[in-house]
Amino acid sequence: MPWYSFSEIWTPLSMFGVKLYREKNERKLWVKVGNKKRRRLFGHKDHRMEE
């Protein structure tokens, strides 16, 4: 399992339970809504459809 380290980005949405995180190493954005797991904001490149 990969090891991630995050820093939280403050936004007004955090008052409503939507928190944004930035990965420290690769600078990718992650989102956490309520008590659910963090997930990549723009998805993985593996899930894109290839033409």
PDB file of N, CA and C in Angstrom:
ATOM      1  N   MET A   1       0.852  -1.178   0.000  1.00  0.00           N
ATOM      2  CA  MET A   1       0.000   0.000   0.000  1.00  0.00           C
ATOM      3  C   MET A   1       0.897   1.240   0.000  1.00  0.00           C
ATOM      4  N   PRO A   2       0.609   2.214  -0.843  1.00  0.00           N
ATOM      5  CA  PRO A   2       1.452   3.414  -0.911  1.00  0.00           C
ATOM      6  C   PRO A   2       1.303   4.279   0.334  1.00  0.00           C
ATOM      7  N   TRP A   3       2.341   5.036   0.599  1.00  0.00           N
ATOM      8  CA  TRP A   3       2.353   5.944   1.739  1.00  0.00           C
ATOM      9  C   TRP A   3       2.193   7.364   1.207  1.00  0.00           C
ATOM     10  N   TYR A   4       1.147   8.069   1.644  1.00  0.00           N
ATOM     11  CA  TYR A   4       0.888   9.430   1.201  1.00  0.00           C
ATOM     12  C   TYR A   4       1.041  10.386   2.369  1.00  0.00           C
ATOM     13  N   SER A   5       1.517  11.587   2.083  1.00  0.00           N
ATOM     14  CA  SER A   5       1.504  12.647   3.085  1.00  0.00           C
ATOM     15  C   SER A   5       0.801  13.849   2.459  1.00  0.00           C
ATOM     16  N   PHE A   6      -0.100  14.454   3.233  1.00  0.00           N
ATOM     17  CA  PHE A   6      -0.966  15.506   2.725  1.00  0.00           C
ATOM     18  C   PHE A   6      -0.813  16.782   3.533  1.00  0.00           C
ATOM     19  N   SER A   7      -1.161  17.886   2.901  1.00  0.00           N
ATOM     20  CA  SER A   7      -1.363  19.145   3.616  1.00  0.00           C
ATOM     21  C   SER A   7      -2.755  19.642   3.234  1.00  0.00           C
ATOM     22  N   GLU A   8      -3.493  20.096   4.245  1.00  0.00           N
ATOM     23  CA  GLU A   8      -4.866  20.532   3.998  1.00  0.00           C
ATOM     24  C   GLU A   8      -4.870  21.940   3.422  1.00  0.00           C
ATOM     25  N   ILE A   9      -5.731  22.163   2.451  1.00  0.00           N
ATOM     26  CA  ILE A   9      -5.905  23.476   1.839  1.00  0.00           C
ATOM     27  C   ILE A   9      -7.179  24.068   2.416  1.00  0.00           C
ATOM     28  N   TRP A  10      -7.072  25.240   3.024  1.00  0.00           N
ATOM     29  CA  TRP A  10      -8.259  25.837   3.617  1.00  0.00           C
ATOM     30  C   TRP A  10      -9.117  26.470   2.529  1.00  0.00           C
ATOM     31  N   THR A  11     -10.411  26.149   2.556  1.00  0.00           N
ATOM     32  CA  THR A  11     -11.403  26.766   1.678  1.00  0.00           C
ATOM     33  C   THR A  11     -12.663  26.985   2.500  1.00  0.00           C
ATOM     34  N   PRO A  12     -13.542  27.883   2.090  1.00  0.00           N
ATOM     35  CA  PRO A  12     -14.811  28.053   2.803  1.00  0.00           C
ATOM     36  C   PRO A  12     -15.664  26.781   2.801  1.00  0.00           C
ATOM     37  N   LEU A  13     -15.422  25.870   1.869  1.00  0.00           N
ATOM     38  CA  LEU A  13     -16.176  24.618   1.826  1.00  0.00           C
ATOM     39  C   LEU A  13     -15.901  23.736   3.036  1.00  0.00           C
ATOM     40  N   SER A  14     -14.769  23.961   3.720  1.00  0.00           N
ATOM     41  CA  SER A  14     -14.452  23.124   4.874  1.00  0.00           C
ATOM     42  C   SER A  14     -15.455  23.316   6.008  1.00  0.00           C
ATOM     43  N   MET A  15     -16.165  24.436   6.027  1.00  0.00           N
ATOM     44  CA  MET A  15     -17.213  24.642   7.030  1.00  0.00           C
ATOM     45  C   MET A  15     -18.391  23.700   6.793  1.00  0.00           C
ATOM     46  N   PHE A  16     -18.537  23.199   5.567  1.00  0.00           N
ATOM     47  CA  PHE A  16     -19.633  22.306   5.208  1.00  0.00           C
ATOM     48  C   PHE A  16     -19.189  20.850   5.096  1.00  0.00           C
ATOM     49  N   GLY A  17     -17.962  20.552   5.495  1.00  0.00           N
ATOM     50  CA  GLY A  17     -17.486  19.171   5.505  1.00  0.00           C
ATOM     51  C   GLY A  17     -16.762  18.735   4.252  1.00  0.00           C
ATOM     52  N   VAL A  18     -16.485  19.655   3.335  1.00  0.00           N
ATOM     53  CA  VAL A  18     -15.737  19.324   2.112  1.00  0.00           C
ATOM     54  C   VAL A  18     -14.320  19.858   2.300  1.00  0.00           C
ATOM     55  N   LYS A  19     -13.351  18.951   2.391  1.00  0.00           N
ATOM     56  CA  LYS A  19     -11.972  19.364   2.638  1.00  0.00           C
ATOM     57  C   LYS A  19     -11.097  18.993   1.452  1.00  0.00           C
ATOM     58  N   LEU A  20     -10.205  19.896   1.091  1.00  0.00           N
ATOM     59  CA  LEU A  20      -9.260  19.662  -0.004  1.00  0.00           C
ATOM     60  C   LEU A  20      -7.874  19.425   0.574  1.00  0.00           C
ATOM     61  N   TYR A  21      -7.162  18.474  -0.003  1.00  0.00           N
ATOM     62  CA  TYR A  21      -5.809  18.148   0.421  1.00  0.00           C
ATOM     63  C   TYR A  21      -4.905  18.143  -0.794  1.00  0.00           C
ATOM     64  N   ARG A  22      -3.625  18.500  -0.560  1.00  0.00           N
ATOM     65  CA  ARG A  22      -2.624  18.421  -1.623  1.00  0.00           C
ATOM     66  C   ARG A  22      -1.550  17.439  -1.175  1.00  0.00           C
ATOM     67  N   GLU A  23      -1.236  16.523  -2.066  1.00  0.00           N
ATOM     68  CA  GLU A  23      -0.186  15.553  -1.802  1.00  0.00           C
ATOM     69  C   GLU A  23       1.151  16.292  -1.784  1.00  0.00           C
ATOM     70  N   LYS A  24       1.990  16.037  -0.784  1.00  0.00           N
ATOM     71  CA  LYS A  24       3.240  16.785  -0.651  1.00  0.00           C
ATOM     72  C   LYS A  24       4.272  16.424  -1.711  1.00  0.00           C
ATOM     73  N   ASN A  25       4.317  15.168  -2.123  1.00  0.00           N
ATOM     74  CA  ASN A  25       5.348  14.750  -3.082  1.00  0.00           C
ATOM     75  C   ASN A  25       4.980  15.064  -4.523  1.00  0.00           C
ATOM     76  N   GLU A  26       3.785  14.692  -4.943  1.00  0.00           N
ATOM     77  CA  GLU A  26       3.419  14.825  -6.353  1.00  0.00           C
ATOM     78  C   GLU A  26       2.486  15.992  -6.630  1.00  0.00           C
ATOM     79  N   ARG A  27       2.087  16.719  -5.599  1.00  0.00           N
ATOM     80  CA  ARG A  27       1.263  17.935  -5.725  1.00  0.00           C
ATOM     81  C   ARG A  27      -0.098  17.672  -6.362  1.00  0.00           C
ATOM     82  N   LYS A  28      -0.667  16.483  -6.180  1.00  0.00           N
ATOM     83  CA  LYS A  28      -1.988  16.162  -6.719  1.00  0.00           C
ATOM     84  C   LYS A  28      -3.055  16.540  -5.707  1.00  0.00           C
ATOM     85  N   LEU A  29      -4.249  16.871  -6.199  1.00  0.00           N
ATOM     86  CA  LEU A  29      -5.345  17.272  -5.324  1.00  0.00           C
ATOM     87  C   LEU A  29      -6.215  16.084  -4.950  1.00  0.00           C
ATOM     88  N   TRP A  30      -6.632  16.068  -3.690  1.00  0.00           N
ATOM     89  CA  TRP A  30      -7.531  15.049  -3.163  1.00  0.00           C
ATOM     90  C   TRP A  30      -8.675  15.759  -2.469  1.00  0.00           C
ATOM     91  N   VAL A  31      -9.830  15.111  -2.376  1.00  0.00           N
ATOM     92  CA  VAL A  31     -10.997  15.700  -1.724  1.00  0.00           C
ATOM     93  C   VAL A  31     -11.550  14.692  -0.725  1.00  0.00           C
ATOM     94  N   LYS A  32     -12.058  15.209   0.388  1.00  0.00           N
ATOM     95  CA  LYS A  32     -12.720  14.378   1.387  1.00  0.00           C
ATOM     96  C   LYS A  32     -14.040  15.042   1.721  1.00  0.00           C
ATOM     97  N   VAL A  33     -15.137  14.298   1.594  1.00  0.00           N
ATOM     98  CA  VAL A  33     -16.473  14.832   1.855  1.00  0.00           C
ATOM     99  C   VAL A  33     -17.026  14.105   3.070  1.00  0.00           C
ATOM    100  N   GLY A  34     -17.247  14.858   4.145  1.00  0.00           N
ATOM    101  CA  GLY A  34     -17.790  14.263   5.366  1.00  0.00           C
ATOM    102  C   GLY A  34     -16.836  13.249   5.971  1.00  0.00           C
ATOM    103  N   ASN A  35     -17.359  12.071   6.319  1.00  0.00           N
ATOM    104  CA  ASN A  35     -16.546  11.014   6.928  1.00  0.00           C
ATOM    105  C   ASN A  35     -16.083   9.971   5.928  1.00  0.00           C
ATOM    106  N   LYS A  36     -16.250  10.228   4.644  1.00  0.00           N
ATOM    107  CA  LYS A  36     -15.837   9.268   3.618  1.00  0.00           C
ATOM    108  C   LYS A  36     -14.324   9.318   3.413  1.00  0.00           C
ATOM    109  N   LYS A  37     -13.805   8.365   2.631  1.00  0.00           N
ATOM    110  CA  LYS A  37     -12.376   8.303   2.346  1.00  0.00           C
ATOM    111  C   LYS A  37     -11.954   9.448   1.436  1.00  0.00           C
ATOM    112  N   ARG A  38     -10.664   9.782   1.490  1.00  0.00           N
ATOM    113  CA  ARG A  38     -10.116  10.740   0.530  1.00  0.00           C
ATOM    114  C   ARG A  38     -10.056  10.085  -0.837  1.00  0.00           C
ATOM    115  N   ARG A  39     -10.296  10.888  -1.878  1.00  0.00           N
ATOM    116  CA  ARG A  39     -10.160  10.379  -3.242  1.00  0.00           C
ATOM    117  C   ARG A  39      -9.594  11.473  -4.122  1.00  0.00           C
ATOM    118  N   ARG A  40      -8.923  11.045  -5.181  1.00  0.00           N
ATOM    119  CA  ARG A  40      -8.314  12.000  -6.101  1.00  0.00           C
ATOM    120  C   ARG A  40      -9.383  12.867  -6.721  1.00  0.00           C
ATOM    121  N   LEU A  41      -9.130  14.137  -6.836  1.00  0.00           N
ATOM    122  CA  LEU A  41     -10.124  15.069  -7.346  1.00  0.00           C
ATOM    123  C   LEU A  41     -10.379  14.871  -8.832  1.00  0.00           C
ATOM    124  N   PHE A  42      -9.355  14.600  -9.610  1.00  0.00           N
ATOM    125  CA  PHE A  42      -9.523  14.454 -11.052  1.00  0.00           C
ATOM    126  C   PHE A  42      -9.343  13.021 -11.515  1.00  0.00           C
ATOM    127  N   GLY A  43      -9.389  12.060 -10.633  1.00  0.00           N
ATOM    128  CA  GLY A  43      -9.346  10.648 -10.995  1.00  0.00           C
ATOM    129  C   GLY A  43      -7.966  10.173 -11.406  1.00  0.00           C
ATOM    130  N   HIS A  44      -7.870   8.891 -11.646  1.00  0.00           N
ATOM    131  CA  HIS A  44      -6.617   8.272 -12.062  1.00  0.00           C
ATOM    132  C   HIS A  44      -6.571   8.180 -13.574  1.00  0.00           C
ATOM    133  N   LYS A  45      -5.379   8.221 -14.125  1.00  0.00           N
ATOM    134  CA  LYS A  45      -5.260   8.113 -15.576  1.00  0.00           C
ATOM    135  C   LYS A  45      -5.597   6.703 -16.055  1.00  0.00           C
ATOM    136  N   ASP A  46      -5.564   5.707 -15.159  1.00  0.00           N
ATOM    137  CA  ASP A  46      -5.903   4.339 -15.536  1.00  0.00           C
ATOM    138  C   ASP A  46      -7.380   4.199 -15.873  1.00  0.00           C
ATOM    139  N   HIS A  47      -8.221   5.076 -15.341  1.00  0.00           N
ATOM    140  CA  HIS A  47      -9.663   4.953 -15.526  1.00  0.00           C
ATOM    141  C   HIS A  47     -10.176   5.722 -16.740  1.00  0.00           C
ATOM    142  N   ARG A  48      -9.297   6.432 -17.418  1.00  0.00           N
ATOM    143  CA  ARG A  48      -9.725   7.154 -18.619  1.00  0.00           C
ATOM    144  C   ARG A  48      -9.914   6.173 -19.762  1.00  0.00           C
ATOM    145  N   MET A  49     -10.828   6.509 -20.641  1.00  0.00           N
ATOM    146  CA  MET A  49     -11.052   5.640 -21.798  1.00  0.00           C
ATOM    147  C   MET A  49     -10.010   5.947 -22.867  1.00  0.00           C
ATOM    148  N   GLU A  50      -9.435   4.906 -23.411  1.00  0.00           N
ATOM    149  CA  GLU A  50      -8.449   5.080 -24.472  1.00  0.00           C
ATOM    150  C   GLU A  50      -9.130   4.952 -25.819  1.00  0.00           C
ATOM    151  N   GLU A  51      -8.697   5.760 -26.754  1.00  0.00           N
ATOM    152  CA  GLU A  51      -9.289   5.721 -28.097  1.00  0.00           C
ATOM    153  C   GLU A  51      -8.335   5.092 -29.080  1.00  0.00           C
TER     154      GLU A  51
END
